[in-house]
Amino acid sequence: MNIVVTSIIVLGVIGIVGAAVLYIVAKRFHVQEDPRIDQVEALLPGANCGGCGRSGCRDFAAACVGADTLDGLSCPASGSAVMKQIGEIVGLAAAETKPKIAVIKCNGTCDLRPQIARFEGAPTCAVLASLGTGESACPNGCLGCGDCVTACPYGAMKMNLETGLPEVIEDKCVGCGACVKACPRSIIELRFKGPRGMRVYVACSNKEKGALAMKECKVACIGCTKCAKECTHEAITIANNLSYIDYEKCKLCRKCVDVCPTHAIHAVNFPVKKAAPAAEVKLKTEETPA
């Protein structure tokens, strides 16, 4: 018999036997899955960002289907509307959640932080942090290599080449927390978006004492406590020479913003304050003693 024909027959038999073995194994070890897992997964974004605390969207879907309650289960990328749909599929009530967004707790732009070194190694924040240093004098500020930008699965961050700092694209950020995990200096935080996107936060992570902090960055928080004293809602605490605003207690009054001597506290998406009428300004000027 021709060797070519023989080879074809042998390979064909091997293929048939192999297919039969795979079929038997598949049947023998087949695991029946709840069809609702596919329904829930179809509602999820499929980015596998890990914002839910699970290994991926499929794992999160399985957790929802197998849970007795949806408390503690939430997909930040999907929001409350999708979680409500998931609740209807699995027959459980989904808790209402407030959307969050990433904020950068550093405002030390290139012109505000003196550069003390130049790094020519692998351009990643992780490598710089492992060396215990950065290019600027601030030991707690942004390293500027964009690890957070690379980690974002939604394209919701970009590096500003002029300031050397990352920026959050608000209409794309879903609050998954991938950037938070990627930042080796923990200068990124997830906070409530707030009504109409309005929020107030301390854009600084420097923990040095006042004079040294100002030397390292001109807009650093100096822990002067003025903001804490001004806040009537007990939303501000001072620890390690650094102010922190509790976004669950903050009433967005912005009194702290007005008294901060270094402008380290930022108010975002608020309407511009109207200037006082000229007549009122003139009256105040006249009342001021010479």
Protein backbone atom coordinates (compact mmCIF):
# COMPACT_ATOMS: atom_id res chain seq x y z
CA MET A 1 0.00 0.00 0.00
CA ASN A 2 1.20 3.50 -0.78
CA ILE A 3 2.93 5.08 2.22
CA VAL A 4 0.93 8.30 1.77
CA VAL A 5 -2.39 6.45 1.99
CA THR A 6 -1.19 4.51 5.01
CA SER A 7 -0.19 7.72 6.79
CA ILE A 8 -3.60 9.26 6.09
CA ILE A 9 -5.43 6.22 7.46
CA VAL A 10 -3.27 6.08 10.62
CA LEU A 11 -3.68 9.78 11.30
CA GLY A 12 -7.41 9.52 10.70
CA VAL A 13 -7.75 6.68 13.19
CA ILE A 14 -5.71 8.58 15.78
CA GLY A 15 -7.92 11.61 15.28
CA ILE A 16 -11.13 9.60 15.70
CA VAL A 17 -9.83 7.87 18.83
CA GLY A 18 -8.67 11.17 20.29
CA ALA A 19 -12.03 12.82 19.60
CA ALA A 20 -13.83 9.89 21.23
CA VAL A 21 -11.63 10.14 24.33
CA LEU A 22 -12.20 13.91 24.61
CA TYR A 23 -15.96 13.43 24.23
CA ILE A 24 -16.05 10.81 27.00
CA VAL A 25 -13.93 12.96 29.31
CA ALA A 26 -16.08 16.03 28.64
CA LYS A 27 -19.23 14.07 29.45
CA ARG A 28 -17.69 12.45 32.51
CA PHE A 29 -16.41 15.66 34.10
CA HIS A 30 -19.08 18.04 32.83
CA VAL A 31 -20.20 20.55 35.45
CA GLN A 32 -23.72 21.89 35.13
CA GLU A 33 -23.75 25.67 35.54
CA ASP A 34 -26.67 27.81 36.49
CA PRO A 35 -27.85 29.52 33.27
CA ARG A 36 -28.37 32.72 35.23
CA ILE A 37 -24.58 33.15 35.42
CA ASP A 38 -24.51 33.79 31.67
CA GLN A 39 -27.42 36.22 31.99
CA VAL A 40 -25.70 38.20 34.73
CA GLU A 41 -22.34 38.18 32.93
CA ALA A 42 -23.99 39.56 29.80
CA LEU A 43 -24.99 42.67 31.79
CA LEU A 44 -21.44 43.33 33.02
CA PRO A 45 -18.85 45.42 31.10
CA GLY A 46 -16.46 42.50 30.59
CA ALA A 47 -13.39 44.57 31.46
CA ASN A 48 -12.38 42.25 34.33
CA CYS A 49 -11.09 45.32 36.16
CA GLY A 50 -11.40 43.81 39.63
CA GLY A 51 -13.32 46.77 41.01
CA CYS A 52 -15.86 44.39 42.51
CA GLY A 53 -13.15 42.57 44.44
CA ARG A 54 -13.48 39.43 42.31
CA SER A 55 -11.09 37.91 39.78
CA GLY A 56 -13.28 38.92 36.85
CA CYS A 57 -16.78 39.51 35.56
CA ARG A 58 -17.59 35.78 35.34
CA ASP A 59 -16.50 35.22 38.92
CA PHE A 60 -18.63 38.17 40.03
CA ALA A 61 -21.63 36.81 38.12
CA ALA A 62 -21.21 33.41 39.79
CA ALA A 63 -20.96 35.09 43.20
CA CYS A 64 -24.22 36.99 42.60
CA VAL A 65 -26.07 33.86 41.52
CA GLY A 66 -24.78 31.82 44.46
CA ALA A 67 -25.29 34.49 47.12
CA ASP A 68 -28.08 34.67 49.70
CA THR A 69 -27.90 38.45 49.63
CA LEU A 70 -26.36 41.06 47.31
CA ASP A 71 -25.06 43.09 50.25
CA GLY A 72 -21.36 43.65 49.65
CA LEU A 73 -21.64 42.70 45.98
CA SER A 74 -21.42 45.62 43.61
CA CYS A 75 -19.96 46.33 40.18
CA PRO A 76 -18.71 49.93 40.22
CA ALA A 77 -18.41 49.99 36.44
CA SER A 78 -22.07 49.10 35.96
CA GLY A 79 -23.79 51.22 38.57
CA SER A 80 -27.05 50.83 40.48
CA ALA A 81 -29.24 50.38 37.39
CA VAL A 82 -27.42 47.23 36.28
CA MET A 83 -27.25 45.89 39.84
CA LYS A 84 -31.01 46.26 40.02
CA GLN A 85 -31.34 44.15 36.86
CA ILE A 86 -28.99 41.56 38.35
CA GLY A 87 -31.16 41.52 41.46
CA GLU A 88 -34.22 40.78 39.35
CA ILE A 89 -32.43 37.85 37.68
CA VAL A 90 -31.26 36.25 40.93
CA GLY A 91 -34.36 37.20 42.92
CA LEU A 92 -32.57 39.39 45.45
CA ALA A 93 -32.73 43.07 46.35
CA ALA A 94 -29.75 45.14 45.28
CA ALA A 95 -28.66 47.99 47.54
CA GLU A 96 -28.47 51.49 46.06
CA THR A 97 -24.85 52.60 45.64
CA LYS A 98 -23.40 56.04 45.11
CA PRO A 99 -21.05 56.35 42.11
CA LYS A 100 -17.40 57.03 42.88
CA ILE A 101 -14.59 58.62 40.93
CA ALA A 102 -10.82 58.69 41.26
CA VAL A 103 -9.13 61.85 42.54
CA ILE A 104 -5.43 62.67 42.48
CA LYS A 105 -4.18 63.69 45.93
CA CYS A 106 -1.24 65.64 44.54
CA ASN A 107 -1.10 69.02 42.87
CA GLY A 108 2.65 69.39 42.74
CA THR A 109 3.07 70.41 39.12
CA CYS A 110 6.51 70.72 37.56
CA ASP A 111 6.75 74.43 38.40
CA LEU A 112 5.73 73.94 42.04
CA ARG A 113 8.01 71.05 43.03
CA PRO A 114 11.78 71.46 42.63
CA GLN A 115 13.43 68.70 40.65
CA ILE A 116 16.36 67.22 42.55
CA ALA A 117 17.25 64.24 40.34
CA ARG A 118 16.89 62.82 36.87
CA PHE A 119 15.98 59.16 36.47
CA GLU A 120 17.00 57.38 33.27
CA GLY A 121 15.97 53.81 34.14
CA ALA A 122 12.71 51.98 33.41
CA PRO A 123 10.05 54.72 33.28
CA THR A 124 7.56 53.27 35.76
CA CYS A 125 6.35 54.51 39.12
CA ALA A 126 6.81 51.03 40.60
CA VAL A 127 10.54 51.04 39.81
CA LEU A 128 11.04 54.58 41.12
CA ALA A 129 9.15 53.78 44.32
CA SER A 130 11.23 50.65 44.87
CA LEU A 131 14.32 52.87 44.84
CA GLY A 132 12.79 54.97 47.58
CA THR A 133 13.04 58.21 45.65
CA GLY A 134 11.66 60.23 42.79
CA GLU A 135 12.76 63.14 40.64
CA SER A 136 11.18 65.80 42.87
CA ALA A 137 11.87 66.83 46.45
CA CYS A 138 8.48 65.62 47.73
CA PRO A 139 8.76 62.10 49.19
CA ASN A 140 5.01 61.45 48.99
CA GLY A 141 3.98 63.10 45.72
CA CYS A 142 3.19 61.75 42.27
CA LEU A 143 6.12 60.07 40.54
CA GLY A 144 4.75 61.05 37.13
CA CYS A 145 5.47 57.86 35.14
CA GLY A 146 1.81 57.05 34.45
CA ASP A 147 1.42 53.56 35.93
CA CYS A 148 -2.15 54.58 36.77
CA VAL A 149 -2.84 55.55 33.15
CA THR A 150 -1.55 52.19 31.93
CA ALA A 151 -3.61 50.29 34.51
CA CYS A 152 -6.95 51.96 33.69
CA PRO A 153 -9.04 49.52 31.61
CA TYR A 154 -11.49 52.26 30.55
CA GLY A 155 -9.07 54.85 29.17
CA ALA A 156 -10.23 57.25 31.85
CA MET A 157 -6.82 58.69 32.72
CA LYS A 158 -4.14 60.60 30.86
CA MET A 159 -0.85 62.28 31.67
CA ASN A 160 -0.70 66.06 31.40
CA LEU A 161 2.68 66.72 29.77
CA GLU A 162 2.79 70.30 31.06
CA THR A 163 2.09 69.57 34.72
CA GLY A 164 3.63 66.09 34.82
CA LEU A 165 0.56 64.82 36.67
CA PRO A 166 -2.16 62.33 35.72
CA GLU A 167 -5.66 63.60 35.02
CA VAL A 168 -8.97 61.79 35.39
CA ILE A 169 -11.40 61.94 32.46
CA GLU A 170 -14.61 62.25 34.43
CA ASP A 171 -17.10 60.98 31.87
CA LYS A 172 -15.07 57.77 31.46
CA CYS A 173 -14.07 56.98 35.04
CA VAL A 174 -16.26 54.28 36.61
CA GLY A 175 -14.50 54.09 39.96
CA CYS A 176 -13.13 50.59 39.47
CA GLY A 177 -10.03 51.33 41.55
CA ALA A 178 -7.46 49.89 39.11
CA CYS A 179 -5.47 53.13 39.25
CA VAL A 180 -5.59 53.12 43.06
CA LYS A 181 -3.97 49.67 43.12
CA ALA A 182 -1.36 50.67 40.53
CA CYS A 183 -0.11 53.76 42.40
CA PRO A 184 2.84 52.79 44.63
CA ARG A 185 2.53 55.99 46.69
CA SER A 186 -1.23 55.75 47.27
CA ILE A 187 -1.96 59.27 46.03
CA ILE A 188 -5.13 58.19 44.19
CA GLU A 189 -8.38 57.76 46.09
CA LEU A 190 -11.93 56.81 45.18
CA ARG A 191 -14.46 59.35 46.43
CA PHE A 192 -18.16 59.95 45.90
CA LYS A 193 -18.78 61.85 42.68
CA GLY A 194 -21.15 64.10 44.57
CA PRO A 195 -24.24 65.92 43.30
CA ARG A 196 -23.60 67.15 39.74
CA GLY A 197 -20.01 65.97 40.14
CA MET A 198 -19.20 68.46 42.91
CA ARG A 199 -16.62 67.36 45.47
CA VAL A 200 -14.02 68.80 47.84
CA TYR A 201 -10.76 67.07 48.70
CA VAL A 202 -7.19 67.69 49.82
CA ALA A 203 -4.95 67.50 46.75
CA CYS A 204 -1.83 66.63 48.71
CA SER A 205 -0.21 63.56 50.24
CA ASN A 206 2.86 65.18 51.81
CA LYS A 207 3.28 64.14 55.46
CA GLU A 208 6.23 66.40 56.29
CA LYS A 209 5.92 69.23 58.80
CA GLY A 210 4.80 72.63 57.55
CA ALA A 211 8.08 74.41 56.75
CA LEU A 212 9.66 71.36 55.15
CA ALA A 213 6.49 70.52 53.23
CA MET A 214 6.42 74.04 51.76
CA LYS A 215 10.07 73.75 50.81
CA GLU A 216 9.34 70.54 48.93
CA CYS A 217 6.14 71.81 47.28
CA LYS A 218 4.60 75.27 47.22
CA VAL A 219 1.02 73.95 47.40
CA ALA A 220 1.55 71.29 50.06
CA CYS A 221 -0.78 70.85 53.01
CA ILE A 222 1.06 72.16 56.07
CA GLY A 223 -1.28 70.72 58.71
CA CYS A 224 -2.12 74.16 60.07
CA THR A 225 -5.60 72.96 61.22
CA LYS A 226 -7.34 76.07 59.85
CA CYS A 227 -9.62 73.94 57.67
CA ALA A 228 -10.54 71.62 60.56
CA LYS A 229 -11.40 74.57 62.80
CA GLU A 230 -13.53 76.16 60.07
CA CYS A 231 -15.51 72.98 59.29
CA THR A 232 -18.76 72.84 61.28
CA HIS A 233 -19.56 69.30 60.15
CA GLU A 234 -16.54 67.58 61.71
CA ALA A 235 -15.58 66.28 58.28
CA ILE A 236 -11.89 67.19 58.50
CA THR A 237 -9.22 65.43 60.51
CA ILE A 238 -5.48 66.07 60.76
CA ALA A 239 -3.04 63.14 60.95
CA ASN A 240 0.68 63.04 60.19
CA ASN A 241 0.67 66.77 59.37
CA LEU A 242 -1.91 66.16 56.63
CA SER A 243 -5.58 67.14 56.39
CA TYR A 244 -8.20 64.67 55.22
CA ILE A 245 -11.81 65.40 54.29
CA ASP A 246 -14.32 62.62 54.97
CA TYR A 247 -16.49 62.58 51.84
CA GLU A 248 -19.38 60.99 53.75
CA LYS A 249 -19.50 63.87 56.23
CA CYS A 250 -18.59 66.75 53.90
CA LYS A 251 -21.55 69.03 53.09
CA LEU A 252 -19.71 70.82 50.26
CA CYS A 253 -19.88 74.21 51.97
CA ARG A 254 -16.33 75.04 50.78
CA LYS A 255 -15.43 77.05 53.89
CA CYS A 256 -12.25 74.99 54.18
CA VAL A 257 -11.28 75.92 50.63
CA ASP A 258 -11.45 79.62 51.45
CA VAL A 259 -9.23 79.41 54.56
CA CYS A 260 -6.52 77.07 53.23
CA PRO A 261 -3.34 79.22 53.06
CA THR A 262 -1.59 77.01 50.48
CA HIS A 263 -4.63 76.25 48.29
CA ALA A 264 -4.14 72.53 48.89
CA ILE A 265 -7.89 71.95 49.11
CA HIS A 266 -9.67 71.67 45.78
CA ALA A 267 -13.33 72.19 44.97
CA VAL A 268 -14.35 70.58 41.68
CA ASN A 269 -17.30 71.29 39.37
CA PHE A 270 -18.85 74.03 41.53
CA PRO A 271 -20.47 76.99 39.80
CA VAL A 272 -18.31 80.09 39.68
CA LYS A 273 -19.04 82.41 42.56
CA LYS A 274 -20.66 85.62 41.47
CA ALA A 275 -18.64 88.76 42.07
CA ALA A 276 -20.03 91.22 44.58
CA PRO A 277 -21.94 94.15 43.01
CA ALA A 278 -19.84 97.27 42.46
CA ALA A 279 -22.02 99.34 44.81
CA GLU A 280 -21.52 96.80 47.63
CA VAL A 281 -17.76 96.77 47.10
CA LYS A 282 -17.67 100.58 47.19
CA LEU A 283 -19.70 100.65 50.40
CA LYS A 284 -17.33 98.21 52.11
CA THR A 285 -14.36 100.27 50.99
CA GLU A 286 -15.87 103.43 52.46
CA GLU A 287 -16.57 101.68 55.77
CA THR A 288 -12.97 100.48 56.06
CA PRO A 289 -11.05 102.82 58.42
CA ALA A 290 -8.04 104.56 56.94
